Amino acid sequence: MLLAIDTSAGTSVALVDPESGIVAQADSDDPRGHAERIGSFIERVLDGGPVLTGVVVGMGPGPFTGLRVGIAAARAFAFGRGVPVLPLVSHDALAWGIEEPVLVTTDARRREVFWSAYDGLDADRIPVRVEGPSLAKALAPSARRRIDALSVSAGDLGLLAAALLRAGRPFAADEPLYLRSPDVTPSAGPKRVTG
């Protein structure tokens, strides 16, 4: 069984059986309040204490605060259970199962969007990302069908991870995809104190 967590947009947690599919899922499209929801969502989907083989986590793109909640929860839970963390690009779950070319977007706030473009599925039924993830103020019209998502389904993230495991394919880098410079930067030198 796989525990899957994504907080790149809303908050989503799922328990996925690689053979039979999504066992349980808890979701919120609210782009805030990840820290308040994540614990109860994990508790809800793990009712009965299943044996886990891995923790799948969406690495973004996403805003810093929300994204780090899900990644920290996934890493801590995986460490506690002694199972591996399986990182994925969150947008790849939005293209899961879609055979046609699509452009997926999530809200980056500040009147910007995170986006990725896909050319359908490969022979293993895994989405083929051809551009992105990237950050943009506005997107030019595209021939691809556009999917504007409020959240990323952890269930779809878990199903994608199961497909990658079956196909022996690599996972994403274990680094968050913030795609924006931090709002806070260190000062250039020591602060002068006068007294």
Protein backbone atom coordinates (compact mmCIF):
# COMPACT_ATOMS: atom_id res chain seq x y z
CA MET A 1 0.00 0.00 0.00
CA LEU A 2 1.08 3.55 -0.75
CA LEU A 3 0.27 6.67 1.24
CA ALA A 4 0.09 9.63 -1.15
CA ILE A 5 0.20 13.31 -0.11
CA ASP A 6 -0.07 16.49 -2.16
CA THR A 7 -0.30 20.06 -0.87
CA SER A 8 0.84 21.90 -4.00
CA ALA A 9 -2.57 23.56 -4.40
CA GLY A 10 -5.24 22.25 -2.02
CA THR A 11 -4.64 19.41 0.43
CA SER A 12 -5.09 15.80 -0.64
CA VAL A 13 -4.15 12.54 1.08
CA ALA A 14 -4.91 9.04 -0.21
CA LEU A 15 -4.24 5.39 0.47
CA VAL A 16 -3.59 3.52 -2.78
CA ASP A 17 -3.37 -0.22 -3.38
CA PRO A 18 -1.10 -0.66 -6.43
CA GLU A 19 -3.25 -3.59 -7.58
CA SER A 20 -6.82 -2.44 -6.89
CA GLY A 21 -6.58 1.38 -6.90
CA ILE A 22 -7.64 4.12 -4.49
CA VAL A 23 -8.72 2.70 -1.12
CA ALA A 24 -9.44 6.00 0.68
CA GLN A 25 -8.97 9.70 -0.03
CA ALA A 26 -9.49 12.99 1.82
CA ASP A 27 -9.42 16.32 -0.05
CA SER A 28 -9.79 20.05 0.37
CA ASP A 29 -9.58 22.57 -2.49
CA ASP A 30 -8.80 25.36 0.01
CA PRO A 31 -5.37 26.77 -0.96
CA ARG A 32 -4.61 27.52 2.69
CA GLY A 33 -4.82 25.59 5.95
CA HIS A 34 -2.64 22.66 4.86
CA ALA A 35 -1.04 22.29 8.29
CA GLU A 36 -4.44 22.22 10.00
CA ARG A 37 -5.77 19.44 7.72
CA ILE A 38 -2.84 17.18 6.93
CA GLY A 39 -2.77 15.23 10.22
CA SER A 40 -6.49 14.45 10.30
CA PHE A 41 -6.48 13.52 6.60
CA ILE A 42 -3.60 11.05 7.14
CA GLU A 43 -5.39 9.58 10.17
CA ARG A 44 -8.63 9.24 8.19
CA VAL A 45 -7.16 7.41 5.20
CA LEU A 46 -4.98 5.12 7.33
CA ASP A 47 -7.90 3.89 9.46
CA GLY A 48 -7.11 0.26 10.23
CA GLY A 49 -3.32 0.67 10.10
CA PRO A 50 -2.41 -0.86 6.71
CA VAL A 51 1.14 -1.98 5.98
CA LEU A 52 2.77 0.69 3.81
CA THR A 53 5.51 0.14 1.24
CA GLY A 54 6.11 3.81 0.43
CA VAL A 55 4.97 7.42 0.80
CA VAL A 56 4.31 9.26 -2.45
CA VAL A 57 4.61 13.04 -2.30
CA GLY A 58 3.87 15.79 -4.79
CA MET A 59 6.96 18.03 -5.06
CA GLY A 60 5.08 20.85 -6.77
CA PRO A 61 5.16 23.23 -8.40
CA GLY A 62 3.45 25.12 -5.63
CA PRO A 63 3.67 28.04 -3.24
CA PHE A 64 6.35 27.65 -0.57
CA THR A 65 4.21 27.42 2.56
CA GLY A 66 1.68 24.88 1.35
CA LEU A 67 4.18 22.72 -0.48
CA ARG A 68 6.56 22.40 2.45
CA VAL A 69 3.74 21.15 4.73
CA GLY A 70 3.04 18.14 2.53
CA ILE A 71 6.70 17.37 1.86
CA ALA A 72 7.62 17.58 5.56
CA ALA A 73 4.65 15.38 6.52
CA ALA A 74 5.55 12.79 3.89
CA ARG A 75 9.22 12.69 4.87
CA ALA A 76 8.43 12.43 8.59
CA PHE A 77 5.82 9.73 8.07
CA ALA A 78 8.10 7.70 5.77
CA PHE A 79 10.94 7.98 8.27
CA GLY A 80 8.67 6.84 11.10
CA ARG A 81 7.43 3.84 9.12
CA GLY A 82 10.85 2.98 7.65
CA VAL A 83 9.62 3.19 4.05
CA PRO A 84 10.92 5.19 1.09
CA VAL A 85 9.68 8.60 -0.03
CA LEU A 86 8.57 8.50 -3.68
CA PRO A 87 8.67 12.08 -5.05
CA LEU A 88 6.63 13.09 -8.11
CA VAL A 89 5.91 16.28 -10.03
CA SER A 90 2.38 17.20 -8.87
CA HIS A 91 1.24 18.26 -12.35
CA ASP A 92 1.93 14.75 -13.67
CA ALA A 93 -0.99 13.51 -11.56
CA LEU A 94 -3.29 16.05 -13.24
CA ALA A 95 -2.44 14.48 -16.62
CA TRP A 96 -2.88 10.91 -15.29
CA GLY A 97 -5.04 8.84 -17.65
CA ILE A 98 -5.48 11.59 -20.26
CA GLU A 99 -4.56 10.37 -23.73
CA GLU A 100 -4.86 13.68 -25.59
CA PRO A 101 -2.40 16.61 -25.42
CA VAL A 102 -3.24 18.85 -22.43
CA LEU A 103 -1.98 21.95 -20.66
CA VAL A 104 -2.42 21.75 -16.89
CA THR A 105 -2.31 24.76 -14.60
CA THR A 106 -2.49 25.45 -10.88
CA ASP A 107 -2.72 28.77 -9.09
CA ALA A 108 0.65 30.30 -8.25
CA ARG A 109 -1.02 33.29 -6.57
CA ARG A 110 0.03 36.87 -7.36
CA ARG A 111 -1.95 36.60 -10.62
CA GLU A 112 0.42 33.93 -11.92
CA VAL A 113 -0.01 30.27 -12.82
CA PHE A 114 2.16 27.18 -12.68
CA TRP A 115 1.82 25.19 -15.91
CA SER A 116 2.99 22.00 -17.64
CA ALA A 117 2.25 20.64 -21.13
CA TYR A 118 1.68 16.96 -21.94
CA ASP A 119 1.51 14.94 -25.16
CA GLY A 120 -0.74 12.16 -23.88
CA LEU A 121 0.47 8.84 -22.46
CA ASP A 122 3.41 6.57 -23.29
CA ALA A 123 3.32 2.78 -23.72
CA ASP A 124 3.26 2.31 -19.92
CA ARG A 125 0.26 4.71 -19.66
CA ILE A 126 2.44 7.35 -17.97
CA PRO A 127 1.88 11.04 -18.89
CA VAL A 128 4.49 12.45 -21.28
CA ARG A 129 5.47 15.93 -20.06
CA VAL A 130 6.98 17.95 -22.91
CA GLU A 131 7.24 21.38 -21.25
CA GLY A 132 7.29 22.68 -17.70
CA PRO A 133 6.69 22.91 -14.93
CA SER A 134 7.00 26.65 -15.40
CA LEU A 135 5.66 29.89 -13.94
CA ALA A 136 3.86 32.52 -16.03
CA LYS A 137 1.82 35.71 -15.65
CA ALA A 138 -0.40 34.67 -18.55
CA LEU A 139 -0.46 31.83 -21.03
CA ALA A 140 -0.73 32.23 -24.78
CA PRO A 141 -3.63 30.40 -26.43
CA SER A 142 -2.79 26.74 -26.98
CA ALA A 143 -4.13 23.98 -29.20
CA ARG A 144 -3.99 21.73 -26.14
CA ARG A 145 -7.05 21.27 -23.94
CA ARG A 146 -6.46 23.31 -20.77
CA ILE A 147 -7.08 21.88 -17.30
CA ASP A 148 -7.16 24.49 -14.53
CA ALA A 149 -6.97 22.56 -11.25
CA LEU A 150 -7.81 23.80 -7.75
CA SER A 151 -6.02 20.83 -6.20
CA VAL A 152 -4.08 17.71 -7.15
CA SER A 153 -5.62 14.32 -6.37
CA ALA A 154 -3.34 12.32 -4.06
CA GLY A 155 -5.17 9.24 -5.34
CA ASP A 156 -4.04 9.97 -8.90
CA LEU A 157 -0.55 10.72 -7.59
CA GLY A 158 -0.51 7.29 -5.91
CA LEU A 159 -1.80 5.54 -9.05
CA LEU A 160 0.94 7.23 -11.08
CA ALA A 161 3.56 6.08 -8.55
CA ALA A 162 2.24 2.51 -8.79
CA ALA A 163 2.55 2.67 -12.60
CA LEU A 164 6.13 3.95 -12.34
CA LEU A 165 7.01 1.15 -9.90
CA ARG A 166 5.50 -1.51 -12.21
CA ALA A 167 7.40 -0.11 -15.20
CA GLY A 168 10.67 0.23 -13.26
CA ARG A 169 10.80 3.94 -14.08
CA PRO A 170 12.55 6.66 -12.04
CA PHE A 171 10.78 9.09 -9.76
CA ALA A 172 11.24 12.88 -9.70
CA ALA A 173 14.09 14.62 -7.93
CA ASP A 174 13.65 14.89 -4.18
CA GLU A 175 13.65 18.71 -4.34
CA PRO A 176 10.60 20.98 -4.06
CA LEU A 177 9.57 22.83 -7.23
CA TYR A 178 8.95 26.33 -5.87
CA LEU A 179 9.74 28.07 -9.22
CA ARG A 180 9.77 31.47 -7.53
CA SER A 181 12.47 33.20 -5.54
CA PRO A 182 11.80 33.46 -1.81
CA ASP A 183 10.08 36.62 -0.56
CA VAL A 184 12.69 36.96 2.17
CA THR A 185 16.41 37.16 1.45
CA PRO A 186 19.37 37.35 3.82
CA SER A 187 20.84 40.80 4.31
CA ALA A 188 24.11 41.63 2.58
CA GLY A 189 26.07 41.93 5.78
CA PRO A 190 25.81 42.30 9.54
CA LYS A 191 23.28 44.77 10.82
CA ARG A 192 24.66 47.87 12.51
CA VAL A 193 23.55 48.33 16.05
CA THR A 194 23.75 51.76 17.63
CA GLY A 195 23.12 52.47 21.19
